[in-house]
Amino acid sequence: MLTWVIYDISSDKIRGRVASICKKYGLYRVQKSAFLGTLNNNQLDSLALECEEAIEEEDSVFVFPMCESCYKGVRLIGKGFNDELVRDEVGTFIV
């Protein structure tokens, strides 16, 4: 399922750690503190646990699973991102 991870973290080191966790799970950075990608329920739970262990008490990480019909209702204003890439719909071509 499509999953948003959005965070507010003051420490550069911890913020970098959370970004690395998101990338490890194959999420794509769509803004400086926002990642989006497809995760199954086990991955979603594991990512949430890893983020919880990485942050401090004053930090926050939001993990939003989103159904397909809800995602279709998202309105993007301004510069966007590659929707097909985020949803793992881009095929790999070997030349």
Protein backbone atom coordinates (compact mmCIF):
# COMPACT_ATOMS: atom_id res chain seq x y z
CA MET A 1 0.00 0.00 0.00
CA LEU A 2 1.14 3.54 -0.63
CA THR A 3 2.72 5.03 2.47
CA TRP A 4 3.71 8.59 3.34
CA VAL A 5 6.43 9.24 5.93
CA ILE A 6 6.62 12.85 7.08
CA TYR A 7 8.86 14.02 9.89
CA ASP A 8 9.82 17.01 11.99
CA ILE A 9 13.25 16.42 13.52
CA SER A 10 15.58 19.13 14.79
CA SER A 11 18.88 17.20 14.79
CA ASP A 12 20.64 16.87 11.42
CA LYS A 13 22.13 13.53 12.48
CA ILE A 14 18.80 12.01 13.53
CA ARG A 15 17.03 13.50 10.50
CA GLY A 16 19.64 11.85 8.28
CA ARG A 17 19.18 8.54 10.08
CA VAL A 18 15.40 8.63 9.51
CA ALA A 19 15.91 9.54 5.85
CA SER A 20 18.26 6.54 5.50
CA ILE A 21 15.66 4.27 7.07
CA CYS A 22 13.06 5.49 4.56
CA LYS A 23 15.43 4.93 1.65
CA LYS A 24 16.28 1.46 2.96
CA TYR A 25 12.60 0.54 2.62
CA GLY A 26 12.55 1.81 -0.95
CA LEU A 27 10.63 5.02 -0.27
CA TYR A 28 11.24 8.03 -2.51
CA ARG A 29 11.94 11.51 -1.22
CA VAL A 30 9.22 13.81 -2.53
CA GLN A 31 10.12 16.79 -0.32
CA LYS A 32 12.88 17.52 2.19
CA SER A 33 11.05 15.83 5.07
CA ALA A 34 8.56 13.68 3.16
CA PHE A 35 8.91 10.23 1.61
CA LEU A 36 6.39 8.18 -0.35
CA GLY A 37 6.37 4.63 -1.64
CA THR A 38 4.78 1.21 -1.55
CA LEU A 39 5.12 -0.94 1.57
CA ASN A 40 3.41 -4.08 2.77
CA ASN A 41 2.08 -4.26 6.35
CA ASN A 42 5.21 -5.95 7.74
CA GLN A 43 7.49 -3.35 6.15
CA LEU A 44 5.28 -0.55 7.44
CA ASP A 45 5.47 -1.91 11.00
CA SER A 46 9.24 -2.45 10.80
CA LEU A 47 9.85 1.04 9.42
CA ALA A 48 7.74 2.58 12.21
CA LEU A 49 9.71 0.66 14.87
CA GLU A 50 13.07 1.68 13.40
CA CYS A 51 12.01 5.32 13.25
CA GLU A 52 10.74 5.18 16.83
CA GLU A 53 14.12 3.85 17.99
CA ALA A 54 16.01 6.52 16.01
CA ILE A 55 14.25 9.69 17.20
CA GLU A 56 14.31 11.74 20.38
CA GLU A 57 11.29 12.57 22.55
CA GLU A 58 10.77 16.02 21.01
CA ASP A 59 10.84 14.70 17.41
CA SER A 60 7.90 13.41 15.40
CA VAL A 61 7.52 10.97 12.53
CA PHE A 62 4.15 10.44 10.87
CA VAL A 63 3.57 7.21 8.92
CA PHE A 64 0.41 7.42 6.82
CA PRO A 65 -0.74 4.36 4.89
CA MET A 66 -3.01 5.45 2.05
CA CYS A 67 -5.51 3.46 0.04
CA GLU A 68 -5.45 3.72 -3.75
CA SER A 69 -8.72 5.64 -3.99
CA CYS A 70 -7.52 8.18 -1.40
CA TYR A 71 -4.25 8.64 -3.29
CA LYS A 72 -6.18 9.44 -6.45
CA GLY A 73 -7.75 12.36 -4.56
CA VAL A 74 -4.38 13.93 -3.70
CA ARG A 75 -4.01 17.40 -5.16
CA LEU A 76 -0.52 18.53 -6.01
CA ILE A 77 0.13 22.23 -6.27
CA GLY A 78 3.49 23.25 -7.69
CA LYS A 79 6.39 21.04 -8.65
CA GLY A 80 5.52 17.37 -8.43
CA PHE A 81 7.31 14.05 -8.44
CA ASN A 82 7.37 11.01 -10.70
CA ASP A 83 4.13 9.29 -9.70
CA GLU A 84 4.95 6.09 -11.60
CA LEU A 85 8.33 5.78 -9.90
CA VAL A 86 6.87 6.29 -6.43
CA ARG A 87 4.21 3.66 -7.09
CA ASP A 88 6.82 1.21 -8.46
CA GLU A 89 5.23 1.23 -11.92
CA VAL A 90 8.38 2.15 -13.85
CA GLY A 91 9.91 -0.87 -15.49
CA THR A 92 13.63 -1.54 -15.69
CA PHE A 93 15.15 -1.66 -19.14
CA ILE A 94 18.54 -3.22 -19.82
CA VAL A 95 20.27 -2.18 -23.00
